[in-house]
N, C-alpha and C. Protein backbone atom coordinates (compact mmCIF):
# COMPACT_ATOMS: atom_id res chain seq x y z
N MET A 1 0.08 0.14 -2.23
CA MET A 1 -0.45 0.90 -1.10
C MET A 1 0.71 1.29 -0.19
N LEU A 2 0.72 2.54 0.22
CA LEU A 2 1.78 3.03 1.10
C LEU A 2 1.70 2.39 2.48
N ARG A 3 2.85 2.20 3.07
CA ARG A 3 2.95 1.78 4.47
C ARG A 3 3.21 3.04 5.28
N LEU A 4 2.48 3.23 6.37
CA LEU A 4 2.52 4.49 7.10
C LEU A 4 3.06 4.35 8.51
N LEU A 5 3.69 5.44 8.97
CA LEU A 5 4.01 5.64 10.37
C LEU A 5 3.20 6.86 10.80
N ILE A 6 2.31 6.68 11.75
CA ILE A 6 1.39 7.75 12.18
C ILE A 6 1.99 8.46 13.39
N ASP A 7 2.23 9.75 13.23
CA ASP A 7 2.82 10.56 14.30
C ASP A 7 1.86 10.65 15.49
N GLU A 8 2.42 10.94 16.64
CA GLU A 8 1.64 11.04 17.88
C GLU A 8 0.57 12.12 17.82
N ASN A 9 0.80 13.14 17.02
CA ASN A 9 -0.09 14.29 17.03
C ASN A 9 -1.27 14.19 16.07
N ILE A 10 -1.37 13.11 15.32
CA ILE A 10 -2.44 12.98 14.33
C ILE A 10 -3.79 12.84 15.02
N ASP A 11 -4.77 13.55 14.49
CA ASP A 11 -6.15 13.44 14.96
C ASP A 11 -6.63 12.01 14.63
N HIS A 12 -6.95 11.25 15.64
CA HIS A 12 -7.28 9.84 15.41
C HIS A 12 -8.61 9.64 14.70
N ARG A 13 -9.41 10.71 14.56
CA ARG A 13 -10.62 10.61 13.74
C ARG A 13 -10.22 10.40 12.28
N ILE A 14 -9.09 11.00 11.87
CA ILE A 14 -8.59 10.81 10.50
C ILE A 14 -8.19 9.35 10.31
N LEU A 15 -7.44 8.81 11.24
CA LEU A 15 -7.01 7.42 11.14
C LEU A 15 -8.22 6.48 11.15
N HIS A 16 -9.17 6.73 12.01
CA HIS A 16 -10.38 5.89 12.08
C HIS A 16 -11.11 5.90 10.74
N GLY A 17 -11.31 7.08 10.17
CA GLY A 17 -11.99 7.18 8.88
C GLY A 17 -11.21 6.50 7.77
N LEU A 18 -9.90 6.62 7.81
CA LEU A 18 -9.06 5.98 6.80
C LEU A 18 -9.17 4.46 6.90
N LYS A 19 -9.18 3.94 8.12
CA LYS A 19 -9.31 2.49 8.32
C LYS A 19 -10.67 1.98 7.84
N LEU A 20 -11.72 2.79 7.97
CA LEU A 20 -13.03 2.38 7.46
C LEU A 20 -13.01 2.29 5.94
N ARG A 21 -12.31 3.20 5.30
CA ARG A 21 -12.24 3.20 3.82
C ARG A 21 -11.24 2.19 3.28
N LEU A 22 -10.17 1.96 4.03
CA LEU A 22 -9.10 1.06 3.60
C LEU A 22 -8.82 0.05 4.71
N PRO A 23 -9.65 -0.95 4.87
CA PRO A 23 -9.48 -1.89 5.99
C PRO A 23 -8.13 -2.61 6.01
N ARG A 24 -7.47 -2.74 4.86
CA ARG A 24 -6.19 -3.45 4.80
C ARG A 24 -4.99 -2.52 4.93
N ILE A 25 -5.22 -1.28 5.31
CA ILE A 25 -4.11 -0.32 5.40
C ILE A 25 -3.03 -0.82 6.36
N ASP A 26 -1.80 -0.60 5.95
CA ASP A 26 -0.64 -1.02 6.74
C ASP A 26 -0.07 0.22 7.44
N TYR A 27 -0.30 0.31 8.73
CA TYR A 27 0.18 1.46 9.49
C TYR A 27 0.63 1.01 10.88
N VAL A 28 1.50 1.82 11.46
CA VAL A 28 1.87 1.67 12.87
C VAL A 28 1.85 3.06 13.48
N LEU A 29 1.54 3.10 14.76
CA LEU A 29 1.56 4.34 15.51
C LEU A 29 2.92 4.49 16.17
N VAL A 30 3.38 5.73 16.32
CA VAL A 30 4.66 5.98 16.98
C VAL A 30 4.70 5.31 18.35
N ARG A 31 3.62 5.38 19.10
CA ARG A 31 3.61 4.77 20.43
C ARG A 31 3.69 3.25 20.37
N GLN A 32 3.18 2.64 19.29
CA GLN A 32 3.23 1.18 19.15
C GLN A 32 4.65 0.67 18.97
N ILE A 33 5.50 1.50 18.41
CA ILE A 33 6.89 1.08 18.19
C ILE A 33 7.80 1.53 19.32
N GLY A 34 7.19 2.07 20.38
CA GLY A 34 7.95 2.46 21.57
C GLY A 34 8.77 3.72 21.39
N MET A 35 8.33 4.61 20.48
CA MET A 35 9.12 5.82 20.23
C MET A 35 8.36 7.10 20.60
N SER A 36 7.41 7.00 21.49
CA SER A 36 6.70 8.20 21.94
C SER A 36 7.70 9.17 22.55
N GLY A 37 7.59 10.42 22.16
CA GLY A 37 8.46 11.45 22.70
C GLY A 37 9.85 11.53 22.06
N PHE A 38 10.15 10.63 21.14
CA PHE A 38 11.46 10.67 20.48
C PHE A 38 11.56 11.88 19.55
N PRO A 39 12.76 12.38 19.32
CA PRO A 39 12.94 13.49 18.38
C PRO A 39 12.49 13.10 16.97
N ASP A 40 12.00 14.08 16.23
CA ASP A 40 11.50 13.84 14.88
C ASP A 40 12.55 13.22 13.97
N LEU A 41 13.80 13.63 14.11
CA LEU A 41 14.86 13.04 13.27
C LEU A 41 14.94 11.53 13.46
N GLU A 42 14.82 11.09 14.69
CA GLU A 42 14.88 9.65 14.96
C GLU A 42 13.67 8.93 14.37
N LEU A 43 12.50 9.55 14.45
CA LEU A 43 11.30 8.96 13.85
C LEU A 43 11.45 8.86 12.34
N LEU A 44 11.94 9.92 11.72
CA LEU A 44 12.12 9.91 10.27
C LEU A 44 13.16 8.88 9.84
N ARG A 45 14.21 8.74 10.62
CA ARG A 45 15.24 7.73 10.30
C ARG A 45 14.67 6.32 10.46
N TRP A 46 13.88 6.08 11.51
CA TRP A 46 13.25 4.78 11.70
C TRP A 46 12.32 4.49 10.52
N ALA A 47 11.53 5.47 10.14
CA ALA A 47 10.60 5.30 9.02
C ALA A 47 11.35 4.97 7.73
N ALA A 48 12.50 5.58 7.52
CA ALA A 48 13.29 5.31 6.31
C ALA A 48 13.77 3.86 6.29
N VAL A 49 14.25 3.38 7.42
CA VAL A 49 14.73 1.99 7.51
C VAL A 49 13.57 1.02 7.26
N GLU A 50 12.41 1.35 7.78
CA GLU A 50 11.24 0.46 7.69
C GLU A 50 10.38 0.72 6.45
N ASN A 51 10.78 1.67 5.60
CA ASN A 51 10.02 2.04 4.40
C ASN A 51 8.58 2.41 4.73
N ARG A 52 8.43 3.31 5.70
CA ARG A 52 7.11 3.79 6.09
C ARG A 52 7.07 5.31 5.94
N VAL A 53 6.04 5.78 5.28
CA VAL A 53 5.85 7.21 5.08
C VAL A 53 5.26 7.80 6.37
N MET A 54 5.88 8.85 6.86
CA MET A 54 5.42 9.53 8.08
C MET A 54 4.21 10.40 7.75
N VAL A 55 3.19 10.34 8.60
CA VAL A 55 2.01 11.20 8.48
C VAL A 55 1.96 12.04 9.75
N THR A 56 1.87 13.37 9.58
CA THR A 56 1.96 14.26 10.73
C THR A 56 1.12 15.51 10.57
N HIS A 57 0.82 16.15 11.69
CA HIS A 57 0.25 17.50 11.74
C HIS A 57 1.36 18.51 12.08
N ASP A 58 2.55 18.05 12.36
CA ASP A 58 3.63 18.87 12.90
C ASP A 58 4.42 19.59 11.81
N LYS A 59 4.08 20.83 11.61
CA LYS A 59 4.78 21.64 10.60
C LYS A 59 6.02 22.32 11.21
N LYS A 60 5.96 22.58 12.51
CA LYS A 60 7.01 23.37 13.17
C LYS A 60 8.35 22.65 13.21
N THR A 61 8.36 21.36 13.54
CA THR A 61 9.65 20.67 13.66
C THR A 61 9.82 19.52 12.67
N MET A 62 8.74 18.81 12.34
CA MET A 62 8.87 17.64 11.47
C MET A 62 9.31 18.04 10.06
N ILE A 63 8.72 19.08 9.51
CA ILE A 63 9.09 19.48 8.15
C ILE A 63 10.54 19.98 8.09
N PRO A 64 10.97 20.87 9.00
CA PRO A 64 12.38 21.26 8.96
C PRO A 64 13.34 20.08 9.14
N ASP A 65 12.98 19.12 9.98
CA ASP A 65 13.84 17.96 10.17
C ASP A 65 13.88 17.10 8.91
N ALA A 66 12.75 16.95 8.24
CA ALA A 66 12.73 16.20 6.98
C ALA A 66 13.57 16.92 5.92
N GLU A 67 13.44 18.24 5.86
CA GLU A 67 14.24 19.02 4.92
C GLU A 67 15.73 18.90 5.23
N TYR A 68 16.07 18.85 6.50
CA TYR A 68 17.47 18.68 6.91
C TYR A 68 18.01 17.34 6.40
N LEU A 69 17.26 16.27 6.59
CA LEU A 69 17.71 14.96 6.11
C LEU A 69 17.95 14.98 4.61
N LEU A 70 17.04 15.62 3.89
CA LEU A 70 17.20 15.71 2.44
C LEU A 70 18.45 16.51 2.08
N LYS A 71 18.68 17.58 2.80
CA LYS A 71 19.84 18.44 2.54
C LYS A 71 21.16 17.70 2.74
N ILE A 72 21.23 16.86 3.77
CA ILE A 72 22.49 16.17 4.04
C ILE A 72 22.58 14.82 3.31
N GLY A 73 21.54 14.51 2.53
CA GLY A 73 21.58 13.31 1.70
C GLY A 73 21.21 12.02 2.39
N GLU A 74 20.60 12.11 3.56
CA GLU A 74 20.14 10.89 4.24
C GLU A 74 18.80 10.47 3.62
N PRO A 75 18.56 9.17 3.56
CA PRO A 75 17.30 8.71 2.98
C PRO A 75 16.11 9.07 3.87
N MET A 76 14.98 9.29 3.20
CA MET A 76 13.73 9.57 3.91
C MET A 76 12.62 8.85 3.15
N ALA A 77 11.81 8.11 3.85
CA ALA A 77 10.75 7.34 3.21
C ALA A 77 9.65 8.24 2.65
N GLY A 78 9.56 9.46 3.14
CA GLY A 78 8.53 10.39 2.71
C GLY A 78 7.77 10.93 3.90
N LEU A 79 7.14 12.07 3.69
CA LEU A 79 6.39 12.74 4.75
C LEU A 79 5.12 13.31 4.15
N ILE A 80 4.00 13.05 4.79
CA ILE A 80 2.73 13.65 4.41
C ILE A 80 2.30 14.56 5.55
N TYR A 81 2.16 15.84 5.22
CA TYR A 81 1.75 16.84 6.22
C TYR A 81 0.27 17.16 6.03
N ILE A 82 -0.49 17.05 7.11
CA ILE A 82 -1.91 17.40 7.12
C ILE A 82 -2.09 18.58 8.06
N PRO A 83 -2.47 19.74 7.55
CA PRO A 83 -2.66 20.88 8.45
C PRO A 83 -3.81 20.62 9.44
N ARG A 84 -3.62 21.09 10.65
CA ARG A 84 -4.66 20.91 11.68
C ARG A 84 -5.96 21.60 11.28
N SER A 85 -5.86 22.63 10.47
CA SER A 85 -7.05 23.37 10.05
C SER A 85 -7.88 22.64 9.00
N MET A 86 -7.33 21.57 8.43
CA MET A 86 -8.05 20.83 7.40
C MET A 86 -9.18 20.03 8.03
N LYS A 87 -10.34 20.05 7.40
CA LYS A 87 -11.48 19.31 7.91
C LYS A 87 -11.18 17.82 7.86
N VAL A 88 -11.69 17.09 8.84
CA VAL A 88 -11.41 15.66 8.98
C VAL A 88 -11.81 14.90 7.72
N GLY A 89 -12.99 15.16 7.19
CA GLY A 89 -13.45 14.45 6.00
C GLY A 89 -12.53 14.66 4.81
N GLY A 90 -12.09 15.90 4.63
CA GLY A 90 -11.16 16.20 3.53
C GLY A 90 -9.81 15.53 3.74
N ALA A 91 -9.35 15.50 4.98
CA ALA A 91 -8.07 14.85 5.29
C ALA A 91 -8.16 13.35 5.01
N ILE A 92 -9.26 12.74 5.38
CA ILE A 92 -9.45 11.31 5.12
C ILE A 92 -9.43 11.05 3.63
N ARG A 93 -10.19 11.83 2.89
CA ARG A 93 -10.29 11.65 1.43
C ARG A 93 -8.93 11.80 0.77
N ASP A 94 -8.22 12.88 1.09
CA ASP A 94 -6.92 13.13 0.45
C ASP A 94 -5.87 12.10 0.86
N LEU A 95 -5.89 11.70 2.12
CA LEU A 95 -4.93 10.70 2.57
C LEU A 95 -5.23 9.35 1.91
N GLU A 96 -6.49 9.03 1.75
CA GLU A 96 -6.86 7.79 1.06
C GLU A 96 -6.31 7.80 -0.37
N ILE A 97 -6.44 8.91 -1.06
CA ILE A 97 -5.90 9.02 -2.42
C ILE A 97 -4.39 8.83 -2.41
N MET A 98 -3.71 9.47 -1.47
CA MET A 98 -2.26 9.34 -1.39
C MET A 98 -1.85 7.88 -1.15
N VAL A 99 -2.52 7.24 -0.22
CA VAL A 99 -2.16 5.87 0.16
C VAL A 99 -2.44 4.89 -0.98
N GLU A 100 -3.55 5.05 -1.66
CA GLU A 100 -3.92 4.10 -2.71
C GLU A 100 -3.25 4.36 -4.05
N CYS A 101 -2.93 5.60 -4.33
CA CYS A 101 -2.47 5.94 -5.68
C CYS A 101 -0.96 6.13 -5.80
N HIS A 102 -0.22 5.99 -4.72
CA HIS A 102 1.22 6.17 -4.77
C HIS A 102 1.95 4.91 -4.30
N TYR A 103 3.11 4.72 -4.85
CA TYR A 103 4.01 3.67 -4.40
C TYR A 103 5.04 4.30 -3.48
N GLU A 104 5.63 3.49 -2.63
CA GLU A 104 6.63 3.99 -1.69
C GLU A 104 7.76 4.71 -2.41
N ALA A 105 8.19 4.19 -3.55
CA ALA A 105 9.30 4.80 -4.29
C ALA A 105 8.95 6.21 -4.77
N GLU A 106 7.67 6.47 -5.01
CA GLU A 106 7.25 7.80 -5.48
C GLU A 106 7.36 8.86 -4.39
N LEU A 107 7.21 8.46 -3.15
CA LEU A 107 7.27 9.43 -2.06
C LEU A 107 8.64 9.49 -1.39
N LYS A 108 9.53 8.59 -1.77
CA LYS A 108 10.87 8.59 -1.19
C LYS A 108 11.52 9.96 -1.38
N ASP A 109 12.04 10.50 -0.28
CA ASP A 109 12.72 11.79 -0.28
C ASP A 109 11.81 12.95 -0.71
N ARG A 110 10.52 12.84 -0.40
CA ARG A 110 9.58 13.91 -0.75
C ARG A 110 8.74 14.29 0.47
N ILE A 111 8.32 15.54 0.46
CA ILE A 111 7.37 16.05 1.46
C ILE A 111 6.12 16.44 0.70
N GLU A 112 5.00 15.85 1.08
CA GLU A 112 3.72 16.14 0.43
C GLU A 112 2.83 16.90 1.41
N TYR A 113 2.15 17.89 0.89
CA TYR A 113 1.28 18.73 1.69
C TYR A 113 -0.16 18.51 1.28
N LEU A 114 -1.02 18.21 2.25
CA LEU A 114 -2.45 18.17 1.99
C LEU A 114 -3.02 19.55 2.30
N PRO A 115 -4.11 19.99 1.69
CA PRO A 115 -4.93 19.24 0.74
C PRO A 115 -4.23 19.11 -0.61
N LEU A 116 -4.69 18.10 -1.35
CA LEU A 116 -4.13 17.84 -2.68
C LEU A 116 -4.50 18.96 -3.63
């Protein structure tokens, strides 16, 4: 099961639904680790050190920053992008599949886009 870092911008209805389906899910919120408002590069670097896949709605800055890390050869634990336009139920379902069916090594240095 993937270990997650949940970005500040995630719709918490998605997280709530995911926790109902996967009560043992291992996640932390950006604010829980004291990094609210930090630049995306710092969040991605923290996630890499902690082996946590970042989950975000932020396509504008998070994806380019993740691509930058990959380009310069820095490690990245992985990034899952959920478009804001995706329905909550579909986001929960697809994220559940990602979390349960992938290992951390499979998402290392990858950007995954939902829907599946």
